[in-house]
Amino acid sequence: MNITDDQLETLRSQLATCKLGHGLGTVDEPCSVAAINLALSGELSDRDPSECMSPVIRRWVISVQDSMPVQMMAAGDEHGDRWRQALVGLAGTRDTKSEAARVAMVIDWMWECLATDWQKWVPTSAHSAWNEMLHEKTARAAYAAHATAADAYAAADAADAAAYAAAADAAAADAADAARKEMCERQLFKLIEIIENEDK
């Protein structure tokens, strides 16, 4: 489908002000692709009912936007404004002859992102698997690196959870001690009250 100038203007206007969200979203807070569809066809959909979007780029947009913090998609945010400008360009990209090149472009971009400053956010125990993945650039190596990193994160989460649980146990023990102390004091006061009444 060819996009008319009027449709592009409607799309720009919609994207300039609408609130974007994760998942499919709602009419008031659609996902990026649904916002395009609402402007072009009035349909809340993350598919391509107007048949105007590159399937590769549409799927890439969905996966990236669901990983982005909502604030980074907000109108008025530096990243959000750039994201919205790029979304306008998604309409009218459907061209089956270009899809193979687009797949290659997205994959190159993915490897570039995965290779940038990764030592800062990949657990040390997963560095070897990550290096292997970046060298091989295969699905097998990517799954192995993901599994290793996930195990490392799980171990770190377990350690954090254990520390939290220990702190919670200590807090619960303190609360229980305080409750026992309060109960003992109440019983002591009650005993004193009984003794004083017996003396009268």
Protein backbone atom coordinates (compact mmCIF):
# COMPACT_ATOMS: atom_id res chain seq x y z
CA MET A 1 0.00 0.00 0.00
CA ASN A 2 1.27 3.46 -0.87
CA ILE A 3 1.03 6.02 1.92
CA THR A 4 -0.44 9.38 0.96
CA ASP A 5 0.82 12.72 2.24
CA ASP A 6 -2.39 13.14 4.22
CA GLN A 7 -1.88 9.76 5.89
CA LEU A 8 1.72 10.66 6.74
CA GLU A 9 0.56 13.92 8.28
CA THR A 10 -2.09 12.07 10.32
CA LEU A 11 0.58 9.59 11.43
CA ARG A 12 3.00 12.37 12.44
CA SER A 13 0.25 14.09 14.40
CA GLN A 14 -0.76 10.84 16.15
CA LEU A 15 2.83 9.95 17.06
CA ALA A 16 3.65 13.46 18.26
CA THR A 17 1.22 13.28 21.15
CA CYS A 18 0.03 9.73 21.86
CA LYS A 19 1.29 7.79 24.84
CA LEU A 20 3.14 4.61 23.79
CA GLY A 21 3.17 1.45 25.88
CA HIS A 22 4.34 -2.16 25.89
CA GLY A 23 2.52 -5.15 24.45
CA LEU A 24 -0.35 -4.39 22.09
CA GLY A 25 -1.58 -1.69 24.44
CA THR A 26 -4.91 0.13 24.24
CA VAL A 27 -6.42 2.84 22.06
CA ASP A 28 -5.21 5.40 24.62
CA GLU A 29 -1.75 3.81 25.06
CA PRO A 30 -0.92 1.66 22.03
CA CYS A 31 2.34 -0.03 21.18
CA SER A 32 4.44 1.58 18.45
CA VAL A 33 3.01 -0.52 15.61
CA ALA A 34 -0.57 -0.22 16.90
CA ALA A 35 -0.15 3.57 16.99
CA ILE A 36 0.71 3.48 13.27
CA ASN A 37 -2.32 1.27 12.54
CA LEU A 38 -4.64 3.51 14.56
CA ALA A 39 -3.51 6.51 12.53
CA LEU A 40 -3.79 4.73 9.17
CA SER A 41 -6.79 2.43 9.58
CA GLY A 42 -8.28 3.10 13.01
CA GLU A 43 -7.50 -0.50 14.00
CA LEU A 44 -5.75 -1.44 17.25
CA SER A 45 -3.40 -4.12 15.93
CA ASP A 46 0.28 -5.01 16.01
CA ARG A 47 -0.13 -6.79 12.66
CA ASP A 48 -0.16 -4.93 9.34
CA PRO A 49 -3.80 -4.64 8.22
CA SER A 50 -2.93 -1.86 5.75
CA GLU A 51 -0.11 -3.98 4.28
CA CYS A 52 2.27 -1.03 4.33
CA MET A 53 5.06 -2.17 6.67
CA SER A 54 8.14 -4.30 6.17
CA PRO A 55 7.50 -7.52 8.16
CA VAL A 56 11.16 -7.60 9.25
CA ILE A 57 11.23 -4.00 10.48
CA ARG A 58 7.76 -4.35 12.08
CA ARG A 59 8.90 -7.39 14.10
CA TRP A 60 12.14 -5.59 15.02
CA VAL A 61 10.19 -2.54 16.22
CA ILE A 62 7.93 -4.74 18.38
CA SER A 63 10.85 -6.59 20.02
CA VAL A 64 12.85 -3.41 20.65
CA GLN A 65 9.96 -1.33 21.97
CA ASP A 66 8.91 -4.07 24.40
CA SER A 67 12.46 -4.01 25.82
CA MET A 68 12.65 -0.21 26.12
CA PRO A 69 11.61 1.63 29.27
CA VAL A 70 8.31 3.40 28.57
CA GLN A 71 9.96 6.74 29.42
CA MET A 72 12.37 6.28 26.49
CA MET A 73 9.36 6.23 24.14
CA ALA A 74 7.67 9.27 25.69
CA ALA A 75 6.94 12.39 23.64
CA GLY A 76 9.34 15.11 24.74
CA ASP A 77 12.05 12.64 25.73
CA GLU A 78 15.17 12.87 23.53
CA HIS A 79 15.02 9.13 22.73
CA GLY A 80 11.24 9.11 22.49
CA ASP A 81 11.15 11.91 19.94
CA ARG A 82 13.75 10.16 17.77
CA TRP A 83 11.87 6.85 18.12
CA ARG A 84 8.62 8.49 17.02
CA GLN A 85 10.27 10.16 14.02
CA ALA A 86 11.64 6.76 12.96
CA LEU A 87 8.19 5.17 13.34
CA VAL A 88 6.75 7.57 10.76
CA GLY A 89 9.22 6.06 8.31
CA LEU A 90 7.97 2.51 9.00
CA ALA A 91 4.76 3.20 7.09
CA GLY A 92 5.36 2.54 3.41
CA THR A 93 8.36 0.21 3.85
CA ARG A 94 6.65 -2.95 2.54
CA ASP A 95 8.84 -4.29 -0.26
CA THR A 96 9.40 -8.03 -0.47
CA LYS A 97 12.56 -7.60 -2.55
CA SER A 98 14.27 -5.71 0.30
CA GLU A 99 13.47 -8.11 3.16
CA ALA A 100 16.65 -10.23 2.90
CA ALA A 101 18.82 -7.12 3.08
CA ARG A 102 16.79 -5.85 6.02
CA VAL A 103 17.23 -9.14 7.88
CA ALA A 104 21.00 -8.87 7.37
CA MET A 105 20.94 -5.25 8.58
CA VAL A 106 18.98 -6.13 11.74
CA ILE A 107 21.29 -9.08 12.50
CA ASP A 108 24.39 -6.90 12.02
CA TRP A 109 22.87 -4.29 14.34
CA MET A 110 22.10 -6.99 16.93
CA TRP A 111 25.68 -8.31 16.93
CA GLU A 112 27.01 -4.75 17.18
CA CYS A 113 24.79 -4.07 20.22
CA LEU A 114 25.78 -7.35 21.87
CA ALA A 115 29.47 -6.54 21.37
CA THR A 116 29.32 -3.00 22.82
CA ASP A 117 30.52 -2.59 26.43
CA TRP A 118 29.23 -6.07 27.22
CA GLN A 119 31.82 -6.63 29.97
CA LYS A 120 29.91 -4.07 32.06
CA TRP A 121 26.65 -5.99 32.12
CA VAL A 122 27.48 -9.65 31.42
CA PRO A 123 28.36 -11.58 34.61
CA THR A 124 32.07 -12.46 34.82
CA SER A 125 31.30 -16.18 34.87
CA ALA A 126 29.60 -15.82 31.45
CA HIS A 127 32.43 -13.88 29.71
CA SER A 128 33.90 -16.96 28.04
CA ALA A 129 30.56 -18.03 26.55
CA TRP A 130 29.84 -14.45 25.48
CA ASN A 131 33.22 -14.19 23.72
CA GLU A 132 32.56 -17.46 21.93
CA MET A 133 29.13 -16.22 20.81
CA LEU A 134 30.59 -12.96 19.43
CA HIS A 135 33.26 -14.92 17.58
CA GLU A 136 30.98 -17.64 16.16
CA LYS A 137 27.86 -15.50 15.61
CA THR A 138 25.63 -18.57 15.51
CA ALA A 139 22.29 -19.39 17.10
CA ARG A 140 23.89 -22.28 19.03
CA ALA A 141 26.51 -19.99 20.55
CA ALA A 142 23.87 -17.35 21.33
CA TYR A 143 21.70 -19.91 23.17
CA ALA A 144 24.75 -21.12 25.13
CA ALA A 145 25.76 -17.55 26.07
CA HIS A 146 22.19 -16.75 27.09
CA ALA A 147 21.94 -19.88 29.24
CA THR A 148 25.29 -19.18 30.93
CA ALA A 149 24.40 -15.55 31.59
CA ALA A 150 20.94 -16.56 32.83
CA ASP A 151 22.49 -19.07 35.24
CA ALA A 152 24.88 -16.38 36.51
CA TYR A 153 22.02 -13.90 36.95
CA ALA A 154 19.95 -16.58 38.68
CA ALA A 155 22.83 -17.30 41.06
CA ALA A 156 23.20 -13.59 41.80
CA ASP A 157 19.43 -13.29 42.29
CA ALA A 158 19.50 -16.30 44.60
CA ALA A 159 22.30 -14.70 46.64
CA ASP A 160 20.33 -11.45 46.79
CA ALA A 161 17.20 -13.37 47.75
CA ALA A 162 19.11 -15.26 50.46
CA ALA A 163 20.47 -11.98 51.83
CA TYR A 164 17.00 -10.47 51.69
CA ALA A 165 15.50 -13.53 53.34
CA ALA A 166 18.16 -13.40 56.07
CA ALA A 167 17.39 -9.72 56.64
CA ALA A 168 13.67 -10.48 56.60
CA ASP A 169 14.21 -13.36 59.05
CA ALA A 170 16.21 -11.05 61.32
CA ALA A 171 13.49 -8.40 61.08
CA ALA A 172 10.82 -11.03 61.76
CA ALA A 173 12.81 -12.34 64.72
CA ASP A 174 13.15 -8.77 66.04
CA ALA A 175 9.42 -8.22 65.56
CA ALA A 176 8.65 -11.51 67.31
CA ASP A 177 10.95 -10.56 70.19
CA ALA A 178 9.26 -7.18 70.43
CA ALA A 179 5.83 -8.83 70.39
CA ARG A 180 6.90 -11.31 73.11
CA LYS A 181 8.33 -8.46 75.16
CA GLU A 182 5.11 -6.46 74.77
CA MET A 183 3.04 -9.51 75.72
CA CYS A 184 5.22 -10.17 78.76
CA GLU A 185 4.91 -6.54 79.82
CA ARG A 186 1.12 -6.68 79.45
CA GLN A 187 1.00 -9.91 81.45
CA LEU A 188 3.26 -8.37 84.08
CA PHE A 189 1.02 -5.29 84.33
CA LYS A 190 -2.04 -7.57 84.55
CA LEU A 191 -0.36 -9.57 87.32
CA ILE A 192 0.48 -6.35 89.19
CA GLU A 193 -3.11 -5.22 88.77
CA ILE A 194 -4.42 -8.56 90.15
CA ILE A 195 -2.04 -8.42 93.13
CA GLU A 196 -2.98 -4.83 93.89
CA ASN A 197 -6.71 -5.70 93.77
CA GLU A 198 -6.19 -8.65 96.11
CA ASP A 199 -4.43 -6.38 98.59
CA LYS A 200 -7.42 -3.98 98.76
